[in-house]
């Protein structure tokens, strides 16, 4: 007895007494249910006897299953499709030669284009199979960087050609350098000082006591001409009594160079003995100043 109650005691000690109550109720309910199933009455034998008598009353020649009428069968028919005999063999059609030949469907190969935009030629399919299409990637033309060059500075180089002539003498044409005395250094009646006005005018210092006539522009005035400015094809007449000296500017040639050293070297060239002659013409110099950087004269008030 103690062995039967020990599980219930353990459940109560562990505070699981609801499960203990359920077990007790189950133990009580199982016998009650089993006793109710035993009390269910058996079926009456009269029913089975009546069924046997009904079977015996039927005649031995009467069929259990009878055929129905055709109209009744048609009304009950629910078959879809055309009516056919299920026991009749099916006729199989022999395949023809044209239909038995395998049909191949040619898939047109996609047309590819090259990088220039023209369609690429594709080969015809072999054996009904489409060959793989090779797609040419487009050609990417990258712009070349434009080199940035520094602005080129040009410098002018000039060359002056004059024609001189004394009274009763022959004309003499020559190319002169800066500070050249005309007609010569020993008896100079004029001295070439340089170019001004964007290398378009040649400036000549004039010895005192001479009358200047002809073309050109005299500074400071025609009555007191200390320097005369002549353009190309202009002529000045220096009159000293009965003697006349003629100066004509034939050509003022100019070219450019990008070399600084070459420009400075050309602008530094002066006639031999020209500085000593300039000292004698210093009172005639006026406001002219020579710039070696530009190779020209500028006028200072």
C-alpha atoms as a PDB file:
ATOM      1  CA  UNK A   1       0.000   0.000   0.000  1.00  0.00           C
ATOM      2  CA  UNK A   2       2.858   2.328   0.810  1.00  0.00           C
ATOM      3  CA  UNK A   3       4.328   1.595  -2.618  1.00  0.00           C
ATOM      4  CA  UNK A   4       1.135   2.779  -4.342  1.00  0.00           C
ATOM      5  CA  UNK A   5       0.927   5.996  -2.336  1.00  0.00           C
ATOM      6  CA  UNK A   6       4.597   6.995  -2.649  1.00  0.00           C
ATOM      7  CA  UNK A   7       4.176   8.681  -6.058  1.00  0.00           C
ATOM      8  CA  UNK A   8       1.326  10.798  -4.736  1.00  0.00           C
ATOM      9  CA  UNK A   9       3.401  11.812  -1.727  1.00  0.00           C
ATOM     10  CA  UNK A  10       6.270  12.928  -3.916  1.00  0.00           C
ATOM     11  CA  UNK A  11       3.943  14.997  -6.098  1.00  0.00           C
ATOM     12  CA  UNK A  12       2.512  16.705  -3.018  1.00  0.00           C
ATOM     13  CA  UNK A  13       6.010  17.395  -1.619  1.00  0.00           C
ATOM     14  CA  UNK A  14       7.017  19.030  -4.894  1.00  0.00           C
ATOM     15  CA  UNK A  15       3.799  21.077  -4.865  1.00  0.00           C
ATOM     16  CA  UNK A  16       2.364  19.163  -7.831  1.00  0.00           C
ATOM     17  CA  UNK A  17      -0.849  18.174  -6.093  1.00  0.00           C
ATOM     18  CA  UNK A  18      -3.055  19.093  -9.127  1.00  0.00           C
ATOM     19  CA  UNK A  19      -1.418  16.249 -11.065  1.00  0.00           C
ATOM     20  CA  UNK A  20      -2.056  13.958  -8.106  1.00  0.00           C
ATOM     21  CA  UNK A  21      -5.759  14.795  -8.181  1.00  0.00           C
ATOM     22  CA  UNK A  22      -5.873  14.110 -11.940  1.00  0.00           C
ATOM     23  CA  UNK A  23      -4.291  10.699 -11.415  1.00  0.00           C
ATOM     24  CA  UNK A  24      -6.826   9.813  -8.737  1.00  0.00           C
ATOM     25  CA  UNK A  25      -9.723  10.907 -10.955  1.00  0.00           C
ATOM     26  CA  UNK A  26      -8.336   8.804 -13.816  1.00  0.00           C
ATOM     27  CA  UNK A  27      -8.082   5.753 -11.615  1.00  0.00           C
ATOM     28  CA  UNK A  28     -11.717   6.168 -10.601  1.00  0.00           C
ATOM     29  CA  UNK A  29     -13.044   6.924 -14.125  1.00  0.00           C
ATOM     30  CA  UNK A  30     -11.462   3.975 -15.993  1.00  0.00           C
ATOM     31  CA  UNK A  31     -13.477   1.215 -14.235  1.00  0.00           C
ATOM     32  CA  UNK A  32     -16.695   3.192 -14.642  1.00  0.00           C
ATOM     33  CA  UNK A  33     -16.240   3.544 -18.419  1.00  0.00           C
ATOM     34  CA  UNK A  34     -15.395  -0.123 -18.815  1.00  0.00           C
ATOM     35  CA  UNK A  35     -18.545  -1.186 -16.932  1.00  0.00           C
ATOM     36  CA  UNK A  36     -20.770   0.948 -19.216  1.00  0.00           C
ATOM     37  CA  UNK A  37     -19.366  -0.707 -22.372  1.00  0.00           C
ATOM     38  CA  UNK A  38     -20.204  -4.147 -20.970  1.00  0.00           C
ATOM     39  CA  UNK A  39     -23.854  -3.202 -20.461  1.00  0.00           C
ATOM     40  CA  UNK A  40     -24.571  -2.377 -24.246  1.00  0.00           C
ATOM     41  CA  UNK A  41     -27.336  -4.876 -25.475  1.00  0.00           C
ATOM     42  CA  UNK A  42     -26.555  -7.251 -28.347  1.00  0.00           C
ATOM     43  CA  UNK A  43     -28.554  -6.952 -31.661  1.00  0.00           C
ATOM     44  CA  UNK A  44     -31.853  -8.777 -31.834  1.00  0.00           C
ATOM     45  CA  UNK A  45     -31.720 -12.132 -33.631  1.00  0.00           C
ATOM     46  CA  UNK A  46     -35.116 -11.445 -35.208  1.00  0.00           C
ATOM     47  CA  UNK A  47     -33.597  -8.967 -37.622  1.00  0.00           C
ATOM     48  CA  UNK A  48     -31.171 -11.477 -39.032  1.00  0.00           C
ATOM     49  CA  UNK A  49     -33.899 -14.045 -39.337  1.00  0.00           C
ATOM     50  CA  UNK A  50     -36.110 -11.648 -41.343  1.00  0.00           C
ATOM     51  CA  UNK A  51     -33.292 -10.959 -43.765  1.00  0.00           C
ATOM     52  CA  UNK A  52     -32.755 -14.690 -44.318  1.00  0.00           C
ATOM     53  CA  UNK A  53     -36.456 -15.222 -45.001  1.00  0.00           C
ATOM     54  CA  UNK A  54     -36.485 -12.457 -47.573  1.00  0.00           C
ATOM     55  CA  UNK A  55     -33.584 -14.027 -49.432  1.00  0.00           C
ATOM     56  CA  UNK A  56     -35.287 -17.434 -49.386  1.00  0.00           C
ATOM     57  CA  UNK A  57     -38.516 -16.007 -50.857  1.00  0.00           C
ATOM     58  CA  UNK A  58     -36.688 -14.878 -54.055  1.00  0.00           C
ATOM     59  CA  UNK A  59     -36.877 -17.256 -57.031  1.00  0.00           C
ATOM     60  CA  UNK A  60     -33.673 -18.979 -58.055  1.00  0.00           C
ATOM     61  CA  UNK A  61     -34.080 -17.911 -61.756  1.00  0.00           C
ATOM     62  CA  UNK A  62     -34.530 -14.207 -61.075  1.00  0.00           C
ATOM     63  CA  UNK A  63     -31.224 -12.235 -61.731  1.00  0.00           C
ATOM     64  CA  UNK A  64     -29.940  -9.971 -59.072  1.00  0.00           C
ATOM     65  CA  UNK A  65     -28.681  -7.395 -61.602  1.00  0.00           C
ATOM     66  CA  UNK A  66     -30.839  -6.423 -64.605  1.00  0.00           C
ATOM     67  CA  UNK A  67     -29.936  -4.563 -67.805  1.00  0.00           C
ATOM     68  CA  UNK A  68     -31.286  -1.090 -68.219  1.00  0.00           C
ATOM     69  CA  UNK A  69     -33.118   0.289 -71.264  1.00  0.00           C
ATOM     70  CA  UNK A  70     -31.123   2.119 -74.042  1.00  0.00           C
ATOM     71  CA  UNK A  71     -32.993   5.377 -73.476  1.00  0.00           C
ATOM     72  CA  UNK A  72     -32.274   5.152 -69.773  1.00  0.00           C
ATOM     73  CA  UNK A  73     -28.581   4.510 -70.496  1.00  0.00           C
ATOM     74  CA  UNK A  74     -28.382   7.506 -72.846  1.00  0.00           C
ATOM     75  CA  UNK A  75     -29.986   9.782 -70.263  1.00  0.00           C
ATOM     76  CA  UNK A  76     -27.476   8.704 -67.658  1.00  0.00           C
ATOM     77  CA  UNK A  77     -24.441   8.998 -70.009  1.00  0.00           C
ATOM     78  CA  UNK A  78     -22.067  11.764 -68.896  1.00  0.00           C
ATOM     79  CA  UNK A  79     -19.041  11.054 -71.163  1.00  0.00           C
ATOM     80  CA  UNK A  80     -17.327  14.013 -72.862  1.00  0.00           C
ATOM     81  CA  UNK A  81     -16.215  13.871 -76.492  1.00  0.00           C
ATOM     82  CA  UNK A  82     -17.302  11.680 -79.458  1.00  0.00           C
ATOM     83  CA  UNK A  83     -18.955   8.335 -78.836  1.00  0.00           C
ATOM     84  CA  UNK A  84     -16.722   5.351 -79.559  1.00  0.00           C
ATOM     85  CA  UNK A  85     -16.483   1.626 -78.903  1.00  0.00           C
ATOM     86  CA  UNK A  86     -13.859   0.950 -76.252  1.00  0.00           C
ATOM     87  CA  UNK A  87     -13.303  -2.596 -77.604  1.00  0.00           C
ATOM     88  CA  UNK A  88     -12.581  -1.507 -81.200  1.00  0.00           C
ATOM     89  CA  UNK A  89      -8.817  -1.377 -82.048  1.00  0.00           C
ATOM     90  CA  UNK A  90      -7.348   2.041 -82.841  1.00  0.00           C
ATOM     91  CA  UNK A  91      -5.975   2.568 -86.355  1.00  0.00           C
ATOM     92  CA  UNK A  92      -2.397   3.886 -86.276  1.00  0.00           C
ATOM     93  CA  UNK A  93      -1.374   6.155 -89.210  1.00  0.00           C
ATOM     94  CA  UNK A  94       1.959   5.426 -90.836  1.00  0.00           C
ATOM     95  CA  UNK A  95       4.264   8.463 -90.821  1.00  0.00           C
ATOM     96  CA  UNK A  96       5.136   9.802 -94.289  1.00  0.00           C
ATOM     97  CA  UNK A  97       8.684  10.506 -95.488  1.00  0.00           C
ATOM     98  CA  UNK A  98       8.149  14.268 -95.513  1.00  0.00           C
ATOM     99  CA  UNK A  99       6.740  14.279 -92.011  1.00  0.00           C
ATOM    100  CA  UNK A 100       9.360  11.856 -90.666  1.00  0.00           C
ATOM    101  CA  UNK A 101      12.263  14.076 -91.757  1.00  0.00           C
ATOM    102  CA  UNK A 102      13.529  16.162 -88.854  1.00  0.00           C
ATOM    103  CA  UNK A 103      12.687  19.803 -89.178  1.00  0.00           C
ATOM    104  CA  UNK A 104      15.267  22.377 -88.233  1.00  0.00           C
ATOM    105  CA  UNK A 105      14.418  25.886 -87.362  1.00  0.00           C
ATOM    106  CA  UNK A 106      17.118  28.356 -88.277  1.00  0.00           C
ATOM    107  CA  UNK A 107      17.450  31.107 -85.799  1.00  0.00           C
ATOM    108  CA  UNK A 108      18.816  34.270 -87.398  1.00  0.00           C
ATOM    109  CA  UNK A 109      22.105  35.209 -85.871  1.00  0.00           C
ATOM    110  CA  UNK A 110      22.113  38.607 -84.201  1.00  0.00           C
ATOM    111  CA  UNK A 111      23.769  41.269 -86.268  1.00  0.00           C
ATOM    112  CA  UNK A 112      26.718  42.861 -84.536  1.00  0.00           C
ATOM    113  CA  UNK A 113      28.345  46.130 -85.292  1.00  0.00           C
ATOM    114  CA  UNK A 114      31.979  47.036 -85.158  1.00  0.00           C
ATOM    115  CA  UNK A 115      33.429  50.082 -83.428  1.00  0.00           C
ATOM    116  CA  UNK A 116      33.152  52.133 -86.650  1.00  0.00           C
ATOM    117  CA  UNK A 117      29.366  51.537 -86.849  1.00  0.00           C
ATOM    118  CA  UNK A 118      29.431  49.131 -89.927  1.00  0.00           C
ATOM    119  CA  UNK A 119      27.584  45.782 -89.551  1.00  0.00           C
ATOM    120  CA  UNK A 120      29.899  42.823 -89.014  1.00  0.00           C
ATOM    121  CA  UNK A 121      29.611  39.900 -91.471  1.00  0.00           C
ATOM    122  CA  UNK A 122      28.445  36.585 -89.973  1.00  0.00           C
ATOM    123  CA  UNK A 123      28.970  33.106 -91.411  1.00  0.00           C
ATOM    124  CA  UNK A 124      25.965  30.925 -92.415  1.00  0.00           C
ATOM    125  CA  UNK A 125      24.858  28.353 -89.799  1.00  0.00           C
ATOM    126  CA  UNK A 126      26.339  24.851 -90.183  1.00  0.00           C
ATOM    127  CA  UNK A 127      24.011  21.859 -89.694  1.00  0.00           C
ATOM    128  CA  UNK A 128      21.118  23.990 -88.497  1.00  0.00           C
ATOM    129  CA  UNK A 129      23.142  25.276 -85.527  1.00  0.00           C
ATOM    130  CA  UNK A 130      23.858  28.922 -84.962  1.00  0.00           C
ATOM    131  CA  UNK A 131      27.574  29.581 -84.461  1.00  0.00           C
ATOM    132  CA  UNK A 132      28.606  31.720 -81.539  1.00  0.00           C
ATOM    133  CA  UNK A 133      28.630  35.416 -82.291  1.00  0.00           C
ATOM    134  CA  UNK A 134      31.788  37.315 -81.526  1.00  0.00           C
ATOM    135  CA  UNK A 135      30.996  40.826 -80.369  1.00  0.00           C
ATOM    136  CA  UNK A 136      33.706  43.367 -81.005  1.00  0.00           C
ATOM    137  CA  UNK A 137      33.968  45.839 -78.137  1.00  0.00           C
ATOM    138  CA  UNK A 138      33.672  49.496 -79.154  1.00  0.00           C
ATOM    139  CA  UNK A 139      36.878  51.408 -79.631  1.00  0.00           C
ATOM    140  CA  UNK A 140      37.194  54.163 -77.059  1.00  0.00           C
ATOM    141  CA  UNK A 141      39.183  57.104 -78.380  1.00  0.00           C
ATOM    142  CA  UNK A 142      40.623  59.124 -75.575  1.00  0.00           C
ATOM    143  CA  UNK A 143      41.422  62.746 -76.353  1.00  0.00           C
ATOM    144  CA  UNK A 144      45.075  63.562 -76.244  1.00  0.00           C
ATOM    145  CA  UNK A 145      46.085  66.270 -73.810  1.00  0.00           C
ATOM    146  CA  UNK A 146      46.896  69.519 -75.514  1.00  0.00           C
ATOM    147  CA  UNK A 147      50.329  70.723 -74.457  1.00  0.00           C
ATOM    148  CA  UNK A 148      50.263  74.143 -72.888  1.00  0.00           C
ATOM    149  CA  UNK A 149      53.009  76.275 -74.325  1.00  0.00           C
ATOM    150  CA  UNK A 150      54.158  79.556 -72.933  1.00  0.00           C
ATOM    151  CA  UNK A 151      53.630  82.595 -75.147  1.00  0.00           C
ATOM    152  CA  UNK A 152      56.652  83.275 -77.349  1.00  0.00           C
ATOM    153  CA  UNK A 153      58.103  86.763 -77.052  1.00  0.00           C
ATOM    154  CA  UNK A 154      59.648  88.108 -80.238  1.00  0.00           C
ATOM    155  CA  UNK A 155      62.244  90.852 -80.402  1.00  0.00           C
ATOM    156  CA  UNK A 156      62.916  93.142 -83.363  1.00  0.00           C
ATOM    157  CA  UNK A 157      66.181  93.388 -85.225  1.00  0.00           C
ATOM    158  CA  UNK A 158      66.539  96.328 -87.615  1.00  0.00           C
ATOM    159  CA  UNK A 159      68.771  97.176 -90.552  1.00  0.00           C
ATOM    160  CA  UNK A 160      68.994 100.687 -92.050  1.00  0.00           C
ATOM    161  CA  UNK A 161      70.162 101.394 -95.625  1.00  0.00           C
ATOM    162  CA  UNK A 162      70.843 104.986 -96.710  1.00  0.00           C
ATOM    163  CA  UNK A 163      72.076 106.768 -99.828  1.00  0.00           C
ATOM    164  CA  UNK A 164      74.344 109.821 -99.410  1.00  0.00           C
ATOM    165  CA  UNK A 165      75.686 112.280-101.964  1.00  0.00           C
ATOM    166  CA  UNK A 166      77.875 115.391-101.745  1.00  0.00           C
ATOM    167  CA  UNK A 167      77.891 118.298-104.162  1.00  0.00           C
ATOM    168  CA  UNK A 168      79.446 117.197-107.438  1.00  0.00           C
ATOM    169  CA  UNK A 169      80.027 113.644-106.151  1.00  0.00           C
ATOM    170  CA  UNK A 170      78.572 110.228-106.869  1.00  0.00           C
ATOM    171  CA  UNK A 171      75.791 108.774-104.693  1.00  0.00           C
ATOM    172  CA  UNK A 172      76.876 106.136-102.197  1.00  0.00           C
ATOM    173  CA  UNK A 173      74.433 103.515-100.816  1.00  0.00           C
ATOM    174  CA  UNK A 174      75.421 101.682 -97.623  1.00  0.00           C
ATOM    175  CA  UNK A 175      74.041  99.906 -94.535  1.00  0.00           C
ATOM    176  CA  UNK A 176      74.893 101.866 -91.425  1.00  0.00           C
ATOM    177  CA  UNK A 177      75.087 100.982 -87.738  1.00  0.00           C
ATOM    178  CA  UNK A 178      74.033 103.149 -84.880  1.00  0.00           C
ATOM    179  CA  UNK A 179      76.222 106.238 -84.176  1.00  0.00           C
ATOM    180  CA  UNK A 180      77.663 106.194 -87.714  1.00  0.00           C
ATOM    181  CA  UNK A 181      78.986 109.578 -88.962  1.00  0.00           C
ATOM    182  CA  UNK A 182      77.967 110.715 -92.475  1.00  0.00           C
ATOM    183  CA  UNK A 183      79.681 111.018 -94.876  1.00  0.00           C
ATOM    184  CA  UNK A 184      82.611 109.909 -92.645  1.00  0.00           C
ATOM    185  CA  UNK A 185      83.691 110.045 -89.018  1.00  0.00           C
ATOM    186  CA  UNK A 186      86.396 112.661 -89.654  1.00  0.00           C
ATOM    187  CA  UNK A 187      84.161 115.188 -91.441  1.00  0.00           C
ATOM    188  CA  UNK A 188      80.704 114.160 -90.185  1.00  0.00           C
ATOM    189  CA  UNK A 189      77.881 116.543 -91.089  1.00  0.00           C
ATOM    190  CA  UNK A 190      75.280 114.217 -89.540  1.00  0.00           C
ATOM    191  CA  UNK A 191      75.276 111.213 -87.202  1.00  0.00           C
ATOM    192  CA  UNK A 192      72.756 108.333 -87.244  1.00  0.00           C
ATOM    193  CA  UNK A 193      71.350 108.120 -83.708  1.00  0.00           C
ATOM    194  CA  UNK A 194      68.836 105.263 -84.073  1.00  0.00           C
ATOM    195  CA  UNK A 195      65.179 104.416 -84.824  1.00  0.00           C
ATOM    196  CA  UNK A 196      62.014 105.520 -83.112  1.00  0.00           C
ATOM    197  CA  UNK A 197      58.236 105.397 -83.533  1.00  0.00           C
ATOM    198  CA  UNK A 198      58.113 101.547 -83.757  1.00  0.00           C
ATOM    199  CA  UNK A 199      61.212 101.437 -85.983  1.00  0.00           C
ATOM    200  CA  UNK A 200      59.571 103.549 -88.682  1.00  0.00           C
ATOM    201  CA  UNK A 201      61.713 106.743 -88.408  1.00  0.00           C
ATOM    202  CA  UNK A 202      65.489 107.144 -88.591  1.00  0.00           C
ATOM    203  CA  UNK A 203      66.867 109.976 -86.452  1.00  0.00           C
ATOM    204  CA  UNK A 204      69.978 111.943 -87.600  1.00  0.00           C
ATOM    205  CA  UNK A 205      71.750 114.537 -85.480  1.00  0.00           C
ATOM    206  CA  UNK A 206      72.703 117.559 -87.603  1.00  0.00           C
ATOM    207  CA  UNK A 207      75.911 119.610 -87.193  1.00  0.00           C
ATOM    208  CA  UNK A 208      75.358 123.239 -86.247  1.00  0.00           C
ATOM    209  CA  UNK A 209      75.427 126.006 -88.892  1.00  0.00           C
ATOM    210  CA  UNK A 210      73.503 124.045 -91.595  1.00  0.00           C
ATOM    211  CA  UNK A 211      70.125 124.679 -93.167  1.00  0.00           C
ATOM    212  CA  UNK A 212      67.916 121.591 -93.337  1.00  0.00           C
ATOM    213  CA  UNK A 213      65.505 121.328 -96.259  1.00  0.00           C
ATOM    214  CA  UNK A 214      63.484 118.610 -97.918  1.00  0.00           C
ATOM    215  CA  UNK A 215      61.377 115.863 -96.299  1.00  0.00           C
ATOM    216  CA  UNK A 216      61.310 114.772 -92.700  1.00  0.00           C
ATOM    217  CA  UNK A 217      60.590 116.447 -89.394  1.00  0.00           C
ATOM    218  CA  UNK A 218      62.995 118.790 -87.611  1.00  0.00           C
ATOM    219  CA  UNK A 219      63.411 119.060 -83.848  1.00  0.00           C
ATOM    220  CA  UNK A 220      63.004 121.300 -81.999  1.00  0.00           C
ATOM    221  CA  UNK A 221      61.900 123.490 -84.964  1.00  0.00           C
ATOM    222  CA  UNK A 222      62.633 123.954 -88.682  1.00  0.00           C
ATOM    223  CA  UNK A 223      64.413 127.256 -87.949  1.00  0.00           C
ATOM    224  CA  UNK A 224      66.671 125.572 -85.354  1.00  0.00           C
ATOM    225  CA  UNK A 225      66.934 121.960 -86.594  1.00  0.00           C
ATOM    226  CA  UNK A 226      69.166 119.904 -84.321  1.00  0.00           C
ATOM    227  CA  UNK A 227      67.813 116.513 -85.388  1.00  0.00           C
ATOM    228  CA  UNK A 228      65.844 115.380 -88.428  1.00  0.00           C
ATOM    229  CA  UNK A 229      63.537 112.319 -88.546  1.00  0.00           C
ATOM    230  CA  UNK A 230      63.207 110.553 -91.919  1.00  0.00           C
ATOM    231  CA  UNK A 231      60.955 107.660 -93.010  1.00  0.00           C
ATOM    232  CA  UNK A 232      61.627 105.311 -95.925  1.00  0.00           C
ATOM    233  CA  UNK A 233      62.074 107.108 -99.286  1.00  0.00           C
ATOM    234  CA  UNK A 234      62.373 110.512 -97.583  1.00  0.00           C
ATOM    235  CA  UNK A 235      65.284 112.863 -98.317  1.00  0.00           C
ATOM    236  CA  UNK A 236      66.895 115.689 -96.338  1.00  0.00           C
ATOM    237  CA  UNK A 237      69.170 118.372 -97.792  1.00  0.00           C
ATOM    238  CA  UNK A 238      71.868 119.796 -95.474  1.00  0.00           C
ATOM    239  CA  UNK A 239      72.951 123.151 -96.957  1.00  0.00           C
ATOM    240  CA  UNK A 240      76.164 124.835 -95.778  1.00  0.00           C
ATOM    241  CA  UNK A 241      76.854 127.822 -98.047  1.00  0.00           C
ATOM    242  CA  UNK A 242      77.460 126.500-101.526  1.00  0.00           C
ATOM    243  CA  UNK A 243      77.910 122.913-100.348  1.00  0.00           C
ATOM    244  CA  UNK A 244      74.836 120.622-100.135  1.00  0.00           C
ATOM    245  CA  UNK A 245      74.839 117.202 -98.547  1.00  0.00           C
ATOM    246  CA  UNK A 246      71.919 114.832 -99.358  1.00  0.00           C
ATOM    247  CA  UNK A 247      70.695 111.973 -97.113  1.00  0.00           C
ATOM    248  CA  UNK A 248      68.004 109.553 -98.358  1.00  0.00           C
ATOM    249  CA  UNK A 249      66.624 106.615 -96.329  1.00  0.00           C
ATOM    250  CA  UNK A 250      66.353 103.775 -98.848  1.00  0.00           C
ATOM    251  CA  UNK A 251      65.060 101.013 -96.582  1.00  0.00           C
ATOM    252  CA  UNK A 252      64.393 100.187 -92.933  1.00  0.00           C
ATOM    253  CA  UNK A 253      64.486  96.409 -92.739  1.00  0.00           C
ATOM    254  CA  UNK A 254      63.196  94.650 -89.683  1.00  0.00           C
ATOM    255  CA  UNK A 255      63.019  91.005 -88.588  1.00  0.00           C
ATOM    256  CA  UNK A 256      62.207  89.290 -85.324  1.00  0.00           C
ATOM    257  CA  UNK A 257      63.920  86.728 -83.123  1.00  0.00           C
ATOM    258  CA  UNK A 258      62.969  84.777 -80.009  1.00  0.00           C
ATOM    259  CA  UNK A 259      66.523  84.697 -78.701  1.00  0.00           C
ATOM    260  CA  UNK A 260      67.207  87.305 -76.043  1.00  0.00           C
ATOM    261  CA  UNK A 261      70.967  86.989 -76.415  1.00  0.00           C
ATOM    262  CA  UNK A 262      70.832  87.514 -80.173  1.00  0.00           C
ATOM    263  CA  UNK A 263      68.627  90.591 -79.824  1.00  0.00           C
ATOM    264  CA  UNK A 264      70.842  92.185 -77.166  1.00  0.00           C
ATOM    265  CA  UNK A 265      73.954  91.469 -79.210  1.00  0.00           C
ATOM    266  CA  UNK A 266      72.535  93.171 -82.301  1.00  0.00           C
ATOM    267  CA  UNK A 267      71.277  96.185 -80.367  1.00  0.00           C
ATOM    268  CA  UNK A 268      74.688  96.679 -78.757  1.00  0.00           C
ATOM    269  CA  UNK A 269      76.499  97.059 -82.084  1.00  0.00           C
ATOM    270  CA  UNK A 270      77.666 100.633 -82.707  1.00  0.00           C
ATOM    271  CA  UNK A 271      79.987 102.193 -85.270  1.00  0.00           C
ATOM    272  CA  UNK A 272      83.663 102.378 -84.452  1.00  0.00           C
ATOM    273  CA  UNK A 273      84.464 105.797 -82.980  1.00  0.00           C
ATOM    274  CA  UNK A 274      80.747 106.582 -82.660  1.00  0.00           C
ATOM    275  CA  UNK A 275      80.855 107.388 -78.933  1.00  0.00           C
ATOM    276  CA  UNK A 276      83.641 109.948 -79.452  1.00  0.00           C
ATOM    277  CA  UNK A 277      81.642 111.561 -82.275  1.00  0.00           C
ATOM    278  CA  UNK A 278      78.536 111.647 -80.098  1.00  0.00           C
ATOM    279  CA  UNK A 279      80.368 113.856 -77.614  1.00  0.00           C
ATOM    280  CA  UNK A 280      80.785 116.500 -80.287  1.00  0.00           C
ATOM    281  CA  UNK A 281      77.059 116.254 -81.131  1.00  0.00           C
ATOM    282  CA  UNK A 282      76.016 116.111 -77.487  1.00  0.00           C
ATOM    283  CA  UNK A 283      74.567 119.624 -77.523  1.00  0.00           C
ATOM    284  CA  UNK A 284      72.342 118.536 -80.408  1.00  0.00           C
ATOM    285  CA  UNK A 285      71.057 115.426 -78.630  1.00  0.00           C
ATOM    286  CA  UNK A 286      68.033 117.083 -77.042  1.00  0.00           C
ATOM    287  CA  UNK A 287      65.547 114.708 -75.395  1.00  0.00           C
ATOM    288  CA  UNK A 288      66.452 111.492 -77.282  1.00  0.00           C
ATOM    289  CA  UNK A 289      67.370 108.492 -75.146  1.00  0.00           C
ATOM    290  CA  UNK A 290      68.293 105.036 -76.419  1.00  0.00           C
ATOM    291  CA  UNK A 291      66.788 101.908 -74.822  1.00  0.00           C
ATOM    292  CA  UNK A 292      68.855  98.771 -75.259  1.00  0.00           C
ATOM    293  CA  UNK A 293      65.956  96.620 -74.062  1.00  0.00           C
ATOM    294  CA  UNK A 294      63.701  97.726 -76.927  1.00  0.00           C
ATOM    295  CA  UNK A 295      66.427  98.723 -79.406  1.00  0.00           C
ATOM    296  CA  UNK A 296      64.769 102.082 -80.146  1.00  0.00           C
ATOM    297  CA  UNK A 297      64.832 105.715 -79.182  1.00  0.00           C
ATOM    298  CA  UNK A 298      62.344 107.422 -76.918  1.00  0.00           C
ATOM    299  CA  UNK A 299      61.790 111.119 -76.610  1.00  0.00           C
ATOM    300  CA  UNK A 300      61.932 112.768 -73.183  1.00  0.00           C
ATOM    301  CA  UNK A 301      60.574 116.273 -72.689  1.00  0.00           C
END
